[in-house]
Amino acid sequence: LIAIPTTAGTGSEVNYYSVLTLPDGERKKTFKASD
């Protein structure tokens, strides 16, 4: 994976967190994996 940020906020380019909206559309859950 390559990350190219266009905002100055999340820092997602240097962490392994992926915050996703669950199918109910009301909750989030974070996917994270060492790879």
PDB file of all heavy atoms in Angstrom:
ATOM      1  N   LEU A   1       0.823  -1.203   0.000  1.00  0.00           N
ATOM      2  CA  LEU A   1       0.000   0.000   0.000  1.00  0.00           C
ATOM      3  C   LEU A   1       0.863   1.261   0.000  1.00  0.00           C
ATOM      4  O   LEU A   1       1.863   1.346   0.718  1.00  0.00           O
ATOM      5  CB  LEU A   1      -0.892  -0.018   1.247  1.00  0.00           C
ATOM      6  CG  LEU A   1      -1.795   1.171   1.508  1.00  0.00           C
ATOM      7  CD1 LEU A   1      -2.858   1.297   0.427  1.00  0.00           C
ATOM      8  CD2 LEU A   1      -2.450   1.032   2.878  1.00  0.00           C
ATOM      9  N   ILE A   2       0.435   2.252  -0.785  1.00  0.00           N
ATOM     10  CA  ILE A   2       1.041   3.583  -0.811  1.00  0.00           C
ATOM     11  C   ILE A   2      -0.028   4.585  -0.405  1.00  0.00           C
ATOM     12  O   ILE A   2      -1.177   4.484  -0.837  1.00  0.00           O
ATOM     13  CB  ILE A   2       1.586   3.916  -2.212  1.00  0.00           C
ATOM     14  CG1 ILE A   2       2.797   3.028  -2.529  1.00  0.00           C
ATOM     15  CG2 ILE A   2       1.968   5.396  -2.330  1.00  0.00           C
ATOM     16  CD1 ILE A   2       3.264   3.125  -3.977  1.00  0.00           C
ATOM     17  N   ALA A   3       0.333   5.559   0.421  1.00  0.00           N
ATOM     18  CA  ALA A   3      -0.625   6.557   0.895  1.00  0.00           C
ATOM     19  C   ALA A   3      -0.175   7.957   0.504  1.00  0.00           C
ATOM     20  O   ALA A   3       0.988   8.326   0.717  1.00  0.00           O
ATOM     21  CB  ALA A   3      -0.773   6.466   2.406  1.00  0.00           C
ATOM     22  N   ILE A   4      -1.120   8.729  -0.056  1.00  0.00           N
ATOM     23  CA  ILE A   4      -0.830  10.102  -0.479  1.00  0.00           C
ATOM     24  C   ILE A   4      -1.925  11.003   0.074  1.00  0.00           C
ATOM     25  O   ILE A   4      -3.024  11.079  -0.483  1.00  0.00           O
ATOM     26  CB  ILE A   4      -0.758  10.208  -2.019  1.00  0.00           C
ATOM     27  CG1 ILE A   4       0.282   9.221  -2.559  1.00  0.00           C
ATOM     28  CG2 ILE A   4      -0.424  11.639  -2.443  1.00  0.00           C
ATOM     29  CD1 ILE A   4       0.330   9.138  -4.079  1.00  0.00           C
ATOM     30  N   PRO A   5      -1.680  11.684   1.194  1.00  0.00           N
ATOM     31  CA  PRO A   5      -2.727  12.520   1.795  1.00  0.00           C
ATOM     32  C   PRO A   5      -2.947  13.821   1.043  1.00  0.00           C
ATOM     33  O   PRO A   5      -1.998  14.434   0.545  1.00  0.00           O
ATOM     34  CB  PRO A   5      -2.185  12.792   3.202  1.00  0.00           C
ATOM     35  CG  PRO A   5      -0.700  12.713   3.057  1.00  0.00           C
ATOM     36  CD  PRO A   5      -0.458  11.657   2.012  1.00  0.00           C
ATOM     37  N   THR A   6      -4.205  14.238   0.969  1.00  0.00           N
ATOM     38  CA  THR A   6      -4.551  15.541   0.396  1.00  0.00           C
ATOM     39  C   THR A   6      -5.204  16.441   1.444  1.00  0.00           C
ATOM     40  O   THR A   6      -5.699  17.516   1.118  1.00  0.00           O
ATOM     41  CB  THR A   6      -5.514  15.378  -0.807  1.00  0.00           C
ATOM     42  OG1 THR A   6      -6.728  14.768  -0.356  1.00  0.00           O
ATOM     43  CG2 THR A   6      -4.880  14.534  -1.904  1.00  0.00           C
ATOM     44  N   THR A   7      -5.222  15.989   2.686  1.00  0.00           N
ATOM     45  CA  THR A   7      -5.672  16.807   3.809  1.00  0.00           C
ATOM     46  C   THR A   7      -4.619  16.714   4.905  1.00  0.00           C
ATOM     47  O   THR A   7      -3.786  15.808   4.905  1.00  0.00           O
ATOM     48  CB  THR A   7      -7.027  16.331   4.380  1.00  0.00           C
ATOM     49  OG1 THR A   7      -6.855  15.040   4.988  1.00  0.00           O
ATOM     50  CG2 THR A   7      -8.085  16.265   3.300  1.00  0.00           C
ATOM     51  N   ALA A   8      -4.681  17.653   5.843  1.00  0.00           N
ATOM     52  CA  ALA A   8      -3.756  17.648   6.978  1.00  0.00           C
ATOM     53  C   ALA A   8      -4.557  17.354   8.222  1.00  0.00           C
ATOM     54  O   ALA A   8      -4.960  18.255   8.955  1.00  0.00           O
ATOM     55  CB  ALA A   8      -3.037  18.992   7.087  1.00  0.00           C
ATOM     56  N   GLY A   9      -4.846  16.064   8.455  1.00  0.00           N
ATOM     57  CA  GLY A   9      -5.720  15.736   9.571  1.00  0.00           C
ATOM     58  C   GLY A   9      -5.493  14.369  10.176  1.00  0.00           C
ATOM     59  O   GLY A   9      -4.975  14.244  11.275  1.00  0.00           O
ATOM     60  N   THR A  10      -5.850  13.322   9.460  1.00  0.00           N
ATOM     61  CA  THR A  10      -5.957  12.005  10.093  1.00  0.00           C
ATOM     62  C   THR A  10      -4.619  11.354  10.388  1.00  0.00           C
ATOM     63  O   THR A  10      -4.534  10.530  11.287  1.00  0.00           O
ATOM     64  CB  THR A  10      -6.763  11.035   9.217  1.00  0.00           C
ATOM     65  OG1 THR A  10      -6.030  10.764   8.027  1.00  0.00           O
ATOM     66  CG2 THR A  10      -8.116  11.622   8.865  1.00  0.00           C
ATOM     67  N   GLY A  11      -3.589  11.655   9.610  1.00  0.00           N
ATOM     68  CA  GLY A  11      -2.330  10.937   9.772  1.00  0.00           C
ATOM     69  C   GLY A  11      -2.429   9.489   9.359  1.00  0.00           C
ATOM     70  O   GLY A  11      -1.589   8.660   9.718  1.00  0.00           O
ATOM     71  N   SER A  12      -3.455   9.156   8.569  1.00  0.00           N
ATOM     72  CA  SER A  12      -3.668   7.770   8.168  1.00  0.00           C
ATOM     73  C   SER A  12      -2.515   7.226   7.339  1.00  0.00           C
ATOM     74  O   SER A  12      -2.349   6.010   7.226  1.00  0.00           O
ATOM     75  CB  SER A  12      -4.978   7.651   7.377  1.00  0.00           C
ATOM     76  OG  SER A  12      -5.313   6.317   7.121  1.00  0.00           O
ATOM     77  N   GLU A  13      -1.711   8.115   6.776  1.00  0.00           N
ATOM     78  CA  GLU A  13      -0.567   7.679   5.976  1.00  0.00           C
ATOM     79  C   GLU A  13       0.528   7.030   6.817  1.00  0.00           C
ATOM     80  O   GLU A  13       1.424   6.368   6.274  1.00  0.00           O
ATOM     81  CB  GLU A  13       0.012   8.867   5.183  1.00  0.00           C
ATOM     82  CG  GLU A  13       0.657   9.962   6.019  1.00  0.00           C
ATOM     83  CD  GLU A  13      -0.330  10.999   6.526  1.00  0.00           C
ATOM     84  OE1 GLU A  13      -1.561  10.781   6.404  1.00  0.00           O
ATOM     85  OE2 GLU A  13       0.131  12.045   7.027  1.00  0.00           O
ATOM     86  N   VAL A  14       0.478   7.221   8.149  1.00  0.00           N
ATOM     87  CA  VAL A  14       1.528   6.662   9.005  1.00  0.00           C
ATOM     88  C   VAL A  14       0.943   5.876  10.180  1.00  0.00           C
ATOM     89  O   VAL A  14       1.518   5.816  11.259  1.00  0.00           O
ATOM     90  CB  VAL A  14       2.486   7.761   9.527  1.00  0.00           C
ATOM     91  CG1 VAL A  14       3.418   8.235   8.432  1.00  0.00           C
ATOM     92  CG2 VAL A  14       1.709   8.927  10.138  1.00  0.00           C
ATOM     93  N   ASN A  15      -0.223   5.292   9.971  1.00  0.00           N
ATOM     94  CA  ASN A  15      -0.726   4.357  10.979  1.00  0.00           C
ATOM     95  C   ASN A  15      -1.468   3.217  10.287  1.00  0.00           C
ATOM     96  O   ASN A  15      -1.646   3.240   9.070  1.00  0.00           O
ATOM     97  CB  ASN A  15      -1.586   5.058  12.039  1.00  0.00           C
ATOM     98  CG  ASN A  15      -2.838   5.695  11.483  1.00  0.00           C
ATOM     99  OD1 ASN A  15      -3.629   5.034  10.811  1.00  0.00           O
ATOM    100  ND2 ASN A  15      -3.037   6.973  11.767  1.00  0.00           N
ATOM    101  N   TYR A  16      -1.856   2.241  11.060  1.00  0.00           N
ATOM    102  CA  TYR A  16      -2.466   1.043  10.489  1.00  0.00           C
ATOM    103  C   TYR A  16      -3.952   0.944  10.798  1.00  0.00           C
ATOM    104  O   TYR A  16      -4.552  -0.122  10.721  1.00  0.00           O
ATOM    105  CB  TYR A  16      -1.737  -0.214  10.969  1.00  0.00           C
ATOM    106  CG  TYR A  16      -1.784  -0.486  12.456  1.00  0.00           C
ATOM    107  CD1 TYR A  16      -2.352  -1.663  12.931  1.00  0.00           C
ATOM    108  CD2 TYR A  16      -1.248   0.402  13.379  1.00  0.00           C
ATOM    109  CE1 TYR A  16      -2.391  -1.948  14.290  1.00  0.00           C
ATOM    110  CE2 TYR A  16      -1.281   0.139  14.735  1.00  0.00           C
ATOM    111  CZ  TYR A  16      -1.852  -1.029  15.189  1.00  0.00           C
ATOM    112  OH  TYR A  16      -1.879  -1.297  16.538  1.00  0.00           O
ATOM    113  N   TYR A  17      -4.578   2.074  11.103  1.00  0.00           N
ATOM    114  CA  TYR A  17      -6.000   2.115  11.411  1.00  0.00           C
ATOM    115  C   TYR A  17      -6.829   2.369  10.159  1.00  0.00           C
ATOM    116  O   TYR A  17      -6.488   3.196   9.324  1.00  0.00           O
ATOM    117  CB  TYR A  17      -6.304   3.220  12.425  1.00  0.00           C
ATOM    118  CG  TYR A  17      -5.492   3.162  13.694  1.00  0.00           C
ATOM    119  CD1 TYR A  17      -4.795   4.279  14.147  1.00  0.00           C
ATOM    120  CD2 TYR A  17      -5.419   1.991  14.439  1.00  0.00           C
ATOM    121  CE1 TYR A  17      -4.051   4.225  15.323  1.00  0.00           C
ATOM    122  CE2 TYR A  17      -4.675   1.927  15.613  1.00  0.00           C
ATOM    123  CZ  TYR A  17      -4.000   3.056  16.047  1.00  0.00           C
ATOM    124  OH  TYR A  17      -3.262   3.002  17.195  1.00  0.00           O
ATOM    125  N   SER A  18      -7.951   1.685  10.076  1.00  0.00           N
ATOM    126  CA  SER A  18      -8.916   1.889   8.998  1.00  0.00           C
ATOM    127  C   SER A  18     -10.295   1.942   9.642  1.00  0.00           C
ATOM    128  O   SER A  18     -10.862   0.909  10.016  1.00  0.00           O
ATOM    129  CB  SER A  18      -8.831   0.742   7.985  1.00  0.00           C
ATOM    130  OG  SER A  18      -9.849   0.840   7.013  1.00  0.00           O
ATOM    131  N   VAL A  19     -10.828   3.157   9.798  1.00  0.00           N
ATOM    132  CA  VAL A  19     -12.111   3.348  10.486  1.00  0.00           C
ATOM    133  C   VAL A  19     -13.226   3.278   9.447  1.00  0.00           C
ATOM    134  O   VAL A  19     -13.311   4.125   8.548  1.00  0.00           O
ATOM    135  CB  VAL A  19     -12.145   4.691  11.233  1.00  0.00           C
ATOM    136  CG1 VAL A  19     -13.456   4.831  12.004  1.00  0.00           C
ATOM    137  CG2 VAL A  19     -10.951   4.807  12.190  1.00  0.00           C
ATOM    138  N   LEU A  20     -14.079   2.284   9.581  1.00  0.00           N
ATOM    139  CA  LEU A  20     -15.082   1.978   8.566  1.00  0.00           C
ATOM    140  C   LEU A  20     -16.490   2.060   9.143  1.00  0.00           C
ATOM    141  O   LEU A  20     -16.714   1.768  10.323  1.00  0.00           O
ATOM    142  CB  LEU A  20     -14.840   0.576   7.999  1.00  0.00           C
ATOM    143  CG  LEU A  20     -13.425   0.298   7.489  1.00  0.00           C
ATOM    144  CD1 LEU A  20     -13.276  -1.171   7.112  1.00  0.00           C
ATOM    145  CD2 LEU A  20     -13.096   1.196   6.292  1.00  0.00           C
ATOM    146  N   THR A  21     -17.433   2.453   8.287  1.00  0.00           N
ATOM    147  CA  THR A  21     -18.841   2.510   8.681  1.00  0.00           C
ATOM    148  C   THR A  21     -19.479   1.146   8.466  1.00  0.00           C
ATOM    149  O   THR A  21     -19.428   0.586   7.357  1.00  0.00           O
ATOM    150  CB  THR A  21     -19.587   3.569   7.863  1.00  0.00           C
ATOM    151  OG1 THR A  21     -18.982   4.847   8.082  1.00  0.00           O
ATOM    152  CG2 THR A  21     -21.043   3.633   8.270  1.00  0.00           C
ATOM    153  N   LEU A  22     -20.078   0.619   9.507  1.00  0.00           N
ATOM    154  CA  LEU A  22     -20.698  -0.702   9.427  1.00  0.00           C
ATOM    155  C   LEU A  22     -21.987  -0.644   8.597  1.00  0.00           C
ATOM    156  O   LEU A  22     -22.541   0.435   8.365  1.00  0.00           O
ATOM    157  CB  LEU A  22     -20.978  -1.219  10.830  1.00  0.00           C
ATOM    158  CG  LEU A  22     -19.725  -1.476  11.690  1.00  0.00           C
ATOM    159  CD1 LEU A  22     -20.126  -1.979  13.070  1.00  0.00           C
ATOM    160  CD2 LEU A  22     -18.785  -2.461  11.011  1.00  0.00           C
ATOM    161  N   PRO A  23     -22.461  -1.803   8.138  1.00  0.00           N
ATOM    162  CA  PRO A  23     -23.629  -1.815   7.236  1.00  0.00           C
ATOM    163  C   PRO A  23     -24.884  -1.151   7.792  1.00  0.00           C
ATOM    164  O   PRO A  23     -25.745  -0.718   7.009  1.00  0.00           O
ATOM    165  CB  PRO A  23     -23.857  -3.308   6.988  1.00  0.00           C
ATOM    166  CG  PRO A  23     -22.480  -3.891   7.065  1.00  0.00           C
ATOM    167  CD  PRO A  23     -21.815  -3.137   8.191  1.00  0.00           C
ATOM    168  N   ASP A  24     -25.016  -1.014   9.125  1.00  0.00           N
ATOM    169  CA  ASP A  24     -26.206  -0.336   9.647  1.00  0.00           C
ATOM    170  C   ASP A  24     -26.163   1.170   9.410  1.00  0.00           C
ATOM    171  O   ASP A  24     -27.162   1.871   9.611  1.00  0.00           O
ATOM    172  CB  ASP A  24     -26.409  -0.635  11.135  1.00  0.00           C
ATOM    173  CG  ASP A  24     -25.292  -0.102  12.039  1.00  0.00           C
ATOM    174  OD1 ASP A  24     -24.452   0.696  11.572  1.00  0.00           O
ATOM    175  OD2 ASP A  24     -25.253  -0.492  13.228  1.00  0.00           O
ATOM    176  N   GLY A  25     -25.008   1.699   8.975  1.00  0.00           N
ATOM    177  CA  GLY A  25     -24.880   3.118   8.649  1.00  0.00           C
ATOM    178  C   GLY A  25     -24.824   4.039   9.850  1.00  0.00           C
ATOM    179  O   GLY A  25     -24.761   5.256   9.687  1.00  0.00           O
ATOM    180  N   GLU A  26     -24.800   3.490  11.065  1.00  0.00           N
ATOM    181  CA  GLU A  26     -24.836   4.315  12.267  1.00  0.00           C
ATOM    182  C   GLU A  26     -23.605   4.152  13.150  1.00  0.00           C
ATOM    183  O   GLU A  26     -23.373   4.956  14.037  1.00  0.00           O
ATOM    184  CB  GLU A  26     -26.089   3.983  13.091  1.00  0.00           C
ATOM    185  CG  GLU A  26     -27.384   4.332  12.381  1.00  0.00           C
ATOM    186  CD  GLU A  26     -28.589   4.178  13.280  1.00  0.00           C
ATOM    187  OE1 GLU A  26     -28.463   3.534  14.351  1.00  0.00           O
ATOM    188  OE2 GLU A  26     -29.657   4.707  12.927  1.00  0.00           O
ATOM    189  N   ARG A  27     -22.838   3.105  12.927  1.00  0.00           N
ATOM    190  CA  ARG A  27     -21.689   2.840  13.790  1.00  0.00           C
ATOM    191  C   ARG A  27     -20.427   2.675  12.958  1.00  0.00           C
ATOM    192  O   ARG A  27     -20.476   2.304  11.784  1.00  0.00           O
ATOM    193  CB  ARG A  27     -21.921   1.556  14.596  1.00  0.00           C
ATOM    194  CG  ARG A  27     -23.051   1.644  15.602  1.00  0.00           C
ATOM    195  CD  ARG A  27     -23.295   0.285  16.234  1.00  0.00           C
ATOM    196  NE  ARG A  27     -23.723  -0.687  15.231  1.00  0.00           N
ATOM    197  CZ  ARG A  27     -23.379  -1.979  15.242  1.00  0.00           C
ATOM    198  NH1 ARG A  27     -22.610  -2.449  16.203  1.00  0.00           N
ATOM    199  NH2 ARG A  27     -23.815  -2.797  14.295  1.00  0.00           N
ATOM    200  N   LYS A  28     -19.296   2.967  13.622  1.00  0.00           N
ATOM    201  CA  LYS A  28     -17.995   2.744  13.007  1.00  0.00           C
ATOM    202  C   LYS A  28     -17.258   1.651  13.764  1.00  0.00           C
ATOM    203  O   LYS A  28     -17.468   1.456  14.961  1.00  0.00           O
ATOM    204  CB  LYS A  28     -17.147   4.021  13.027  1.00  0.00           C
ATOM    205  CG  LYS A  28     -17.670   5.150  12.155  1.00  0.00           C
ATOM    206  CD  LYS A  28     -16.699   6.313  12.168  1.00  0.00           C
ATOM    207  CE  LYS A  28     -17.146   7.431  11.254  1.00  0.00           C
ATOM    208  NZ  LYS A  28     -16.126   8.506  11.150  1.00  0.00           N
ATOM    209  N   LYS A  29     -16.378   0.969  13.051  1.00  0.00           N
ATOM    210  CA  LYS A  29     -15.510  -0.012  13.695  1.00  0.00           C
ATOM    211  C   LYS A  29     -14.160   0.034  13.006  1.00  0.00           C
ATOM    212  O   LYS A  29     -14.081   0.113  11.770  1.00  0.00           O
ATOM    213  CB  LYS A  29     -16.115  -1.417  13.611  1.00  0.00           C
ATOM    214  CG  LYS A  29     -15.313  -2.462  14.402  1.00  0.00           C
ATOM    215  CD  LYS A  29     -16.022  -3.810  14.448  1.00  0.00           C
ATOM    216  CE  LYS A  29     -15.216  -4.806  15.284  1.00  0.00           C
ATOM    217  NZ  LYS A  29     -15.893  -6.114  15.393  1.00  0.00           N
ATOM    218  N   THR A  30     -13.106  -0.032  13.797  1.00  0.00           N
ATOM    219  CA  THR A  30     -11.762   0.105  13.255  1.00  0.00           C
ATOM    220  C   THR A  30     -11.173  -1.241  12.887  1.00  0.00           C
ATOM    221  O   THR A  30     -11.098  -2.153  13.715  1.00  0.00           O
ATOM    222  CB  THR A  30     -10.842   0.798  14.273  1.00  0.00           C
ATOM    223  OG1 THR A  30     -11.379   2.083  14.590  1.00  0.00           O
ATOM    224  CG2 THR A  30      -9.441   0.976  13.705  1.00  0.00           C
ATOM    225  N   PHE A  31     -10.763  -1.350  11.623  1.00  0.00           N
ATOM    226  CA  PHE A  31      -9.969  -2.490  11.168  1.00  0.00           C
ATOM    227  C   PHE A  31      -8.508  -2.123  11.333  1.00  0.00           C
ATOM    228  O   PHE A  31      -8.071  -1.039  10.935  1.00  0.00           O
ATOM    229  CB  PHE A  31     -10.274  -2.798   9.698  1.00  0.00           C
ATOM    230  CG  PHE A  31      -9.198  -3.588   8.996  1.00  0.00           C
ATOM    231  CD1 PHE A  31      -8.894  -4.876   9.402  1.00  0.00           C
ATOM    232  CD2 PHE A  31      -8.482  -3.032   7.940  1.00  0.00           C
ATOM    233  CE1 PHE A  31      -7.892  -5.605   8.764  1.00  0.00           C
ATOM    234  CE2 PHE A  31      -7.490  -3.752   7.294  1.00  0.00           C
ATOM    235  CZ  PHE A  31      -7.191  -5.037   7.698  1.00  0.00           C
ATOM    236  N   LYS A  32      -7.747  -2.990  11.959  1.00  0.00           N
ATOM    237  CA  LYS A  32      -6.305  -2.760  12.051  1.00  0.00           C
ATOM    238  C   LYS A  32      -5.588  -4.095  11.985  1.00  0.00           C
ATOM    239  O   LYS A  32      -6.052  -5.102  12.526  1.00  0.00           O
ATOM    240  CB  LYS A  32      -5.941  -2.005  13.328  1.00  0.00           C
ATOM    241  CG  LYS A  32      -6.487  -2.569  14.619  1.00  0.00           C
ATOM    242  CD  LYS A  32      -6.197  -1.617  15.781  1.00  0.00           C
ATOM    243  CE  LYS A  32      -6.830  -2.129  17.065  1.00  0.00           C
ATOM    244  NZ  LYS A  32      -6.609  -1.203  18.192  1.00  0.00           N
ATOM    245  N   ALA A  33      -4.485  -4.073  11.277  1.00  0.00           N
ATOM    246  CA  ALA A  33      -3.686  -5.290  11.115  1.00  0.00           C
ATOM    247  C   ALA A  33      -2.231  -4.886  10.979  1.00  0.00           C
ATOM    248  O   ALA A  33      -1.904  -3.828  10.427  1.00  0.00           O
ATOM    249  CB  ALA A  33      -4.138  -6.068   9.875  1.00  0.00           C
ATOM    250  N   SER A  34      -1.348  -5.727  11.468  1.00  0.00           N
ATOM    251  CA  SER A  34       0.074  -5.384  11.471  1.00  0.00           C
ATOM    252  C   SER A  34       0.649  -5.233  10.071  1.00  0.00           C
ATOM    253  O   SER A  34       1.688  -4.601   9.884  1.00  0.00           O
ATOM    254  CB  SER A  34       0.863  -6.454  12.237  1.00  0.00           C
ATOM    255  OG  SER A  34       0.697  -7.727  11.634  1.00  0.00           O
ATOM    256  N   ASP A  35      -0.049  -5.807   9.075  1.00  0.00           N
ATOM    257  CA  ASP A  35       0.447  -5.682   7.695  1.00  0.00           C
ATOM    258  C   ASP A  35      -0.334  -4.630   6.903  1.00  0.00           C
ATOM    259  O   ASP A  35      -0.214  -4.548   5.690  1.00  0.00           O
ATOM    260  CB  ASP A  35       0.387  -7.026   6.973  1.00  0.00           C
ATOM    261  CG  ASP A  35      -1.014  -7.625   6.927  1.00  0.00           C
ATOM    262  OD1 ASP A  35      -1.974  -6.938   7.339  1.00  0.00           O
ATOM    263  OD2 ASP A  35      -1.156  -8.779   6.485  1.00  0.00           O
TER     264      ASP A  35
END
